[in-house]
């Protein structure tokens, strides 16, 4: 997703701190469970919150729908034609191959 500046990193930390604080309050029993499987599920949920925090912070220029698609891990082809130019910007084809025809 490119080089991160200090502001993006601060946003990641702030968002994760907020989400994780709420989660830890709600899942404190699971996090302190004697059952390793229960603790692992709670830790995985925290890891997912960290991932979501990063995606949301790193995609501030995208629409809410595009951010949702990234958080859900949808392949670019499933993101929809309106999302293709932003997602395929690195190859310059805009998702439809139109750039190749113009180059001939």
Protein backbone atom coordinates (compact mmCIF):
# COMPACT_ATOMS: atom_id res chain seq x y z
CA UNK A 1 0.00 0.00 0.00
CA UNK A 2 2.95 2.29 -0.33
CA UNK A 3 5.15 4.13 2.10
CA UNK A 4 3.43 5.12 5.34
CA UNK A 5 3.83 8.58 6.78
CA UNK A 6 3.69 9.42 10.49
CA UNK A 7 0.08 10.56 10.24
CA UNK A 8 -1.07 7.23 8.80
CA UNK A 9 0.74 5.32 11.52
CA UNK A 10 -0.81 7.54 14.19
CA UNK A 11 -4.24 6.92 12.67
CA UNK A 12 -3.62 3.17 12.72
CA UNK A 13 -2.62 3.26 16.37
CA UNK A 14 -5.49 5.52 17.42
CA UNK A 15 -8.12 3.46 15.61
CA UNK A 16 -6.75 0.14 16.88
CA UNK A 17 -6.53 1.48 20.41
CA UNK A 18 -10.17 2.53 20.27
CA UNK A 19 -11.43 -0.72 18.72
CA UNK A 20 -9.26 -2.96 20.90
CA UNK A 21 -10.27 -1.16 24.09
CA UNK A 22 -13.93 -1.81 23.38
CA UNK A 23 -13.25 -5.41 22.43
CA UNK A 24 -11.10 -6.13 25.49
CA UNK A 25 -13.83 -4.75 27.74
CA UNK A 26 -16.41 -7.00 26.11
CA UNK A 27 -14.20 -10.09 25.82
CA UNK A 28 -12.16 -9.99 29.01
CA UNK A 29 -13.42 -13.41 30.12
CA UNK A 30 -12.43 -14.98 26.80
CA UNK A 31 -8.99 -13.38 26.87
CA UNK A 32 -8.41 -14.76 30.38
CA UNK A 33 -10.01 -18.14 29.76
CA UNK A 34 -8.38 -21.36 30.92
CA UNK A 35 -9.29 -22.87 27.54
CA UNK A 36 -6.50 -22.24 25.02
CA UNK A 37 -8.93 -22.42 22.08
CA UNK A 38 -11.10 -19.67 23.58
CA UNK A 39 -8.04 -17.49 24.22
CA UNK A 40 -6.82 -18.10 20.66
CA UNK A 41 -10.18 -16.99 19.18
CA UNK A 42 -10.05 -13.82 21.27
CA UNK A 43 -6.47 -13.12 20.15
CA UNK A 44 -7.44 -13.70 16.51
CA UNK A 45 -10.26 -11.20 16.91
CA UNK A 46 -7.73 -8.63 18.16
CA UNK A 47 -5.51 -9.40 15.18
CA UNK A 48 -8.46 -8.81 12.85
CA UNK A 49 -9.12 -5.48 14.54
CA UNK A 50 -5.48 -4.52 13.95
CA UNK A 51 -5.83 -5.46 10.26
CA UNK A 52 -9.04 -3.47 9.89
CA UNK A 53 -7.41 -0.47 11.58
CA UNK A 54 -4.56 -0.56 9.09
CA UNK A 55 -6.81 -0.95 6.06
CA UNK A 56 -9.10 1.87 7.12
CA UNK A 57 -6.18 4.19 7.89
CA UNK A 58 -4.37 3.36 4.66
CA UNK A 59 -7.39 3.88 2.41
CA UNK A 60 -8.61 7.31 3.46
CA UNK A 61 -8.92 8.39 -0.19
CA UNK A 62 -11.23 5.48 -1.11
CA UNK A 63 -15.00 5.36 -0.91
CA UNK A 64 -16.69 3.51 1.92
CA UNK A 65 -17.59 0.69 -0.48
CA UNK A 66 -13.98 0.32 -1.64
CA UNK A 67 -12.75 0.23 1.97
CA UNK A 68 -15.38 -2.40 2.80
CA UNK A 69 -14.18 -4.53 -0.12
CA UNK A 70 -10.58 -4.26 1.04
CA UNK A 71 -11.49 -5.14 4.63
CA UNK A 72 -13.46 -8.16 3.41
CA UNK A 73 -10.51 -9.17 1.24
CA UNK A 74 -12.55 -9.29 -1.95
CA UNK A 75 -10.50 -9.86 -5.08
CA UNK A 76 -10.26 -6.79 -7.26
CA UNK A 77 -12.42 -8.40 -9.96
CA UNK A 78 -15.29 -8.78 -7.45
CA UNK A 79 -14.97 -5.20 -6.27
CA UNK A 80 -17.06 -3.94 -9.18
CA UNK A 81 -16.31 -1.94 -12.32
CA UNK A 82 -16.35 1.39 -10.51
CA UNK A 83 -13.58 0.13 -8.21
CA UNK A 84 -11.35 -1.27 -10.97
CA UNK A 85 -9.44 1.91 -11.92
CA UNK A 86 -8.38 2.55 -8.33
CA UNK A 87 -7.52 -1.09 -7.71
CA UNK A 88 -5.78 -1.65 -11.05
CA UNK A 89 -4.01 1.69 -11.18
CA UNK A 90 -0.62 0.02 -11.10
CA UNK A 91 -1.05 -1.64 -14.54
CA UNK A 92 -2.65 1.34 -16.26
CA UNK A 93 -5.32 -0.74 -17.98
CA UNK A 94 -8.21 0.60 -15.92
CA UNK A 95 -9.58 -2.91 -15.67
CA UNK A 96 -10.82 -3.02 -19.27
CA UNK A 97 -7.68 -3.23 -21.39
CA UNK A 98 -8.61 0.03 -23.15
CA UNK A 99 -5.09 1.39 -22.73
CA UNK A 100 -3.63 -1.34 -24.94
CA UNK A 101 -5.89 -0.48 -27.87
CA UNK A 102 -4.89 3.17 -27.76
CA UNK A 103 -1.19 2.27 -27.82
CA UNK A 104 -1.40 0.43 -31.17
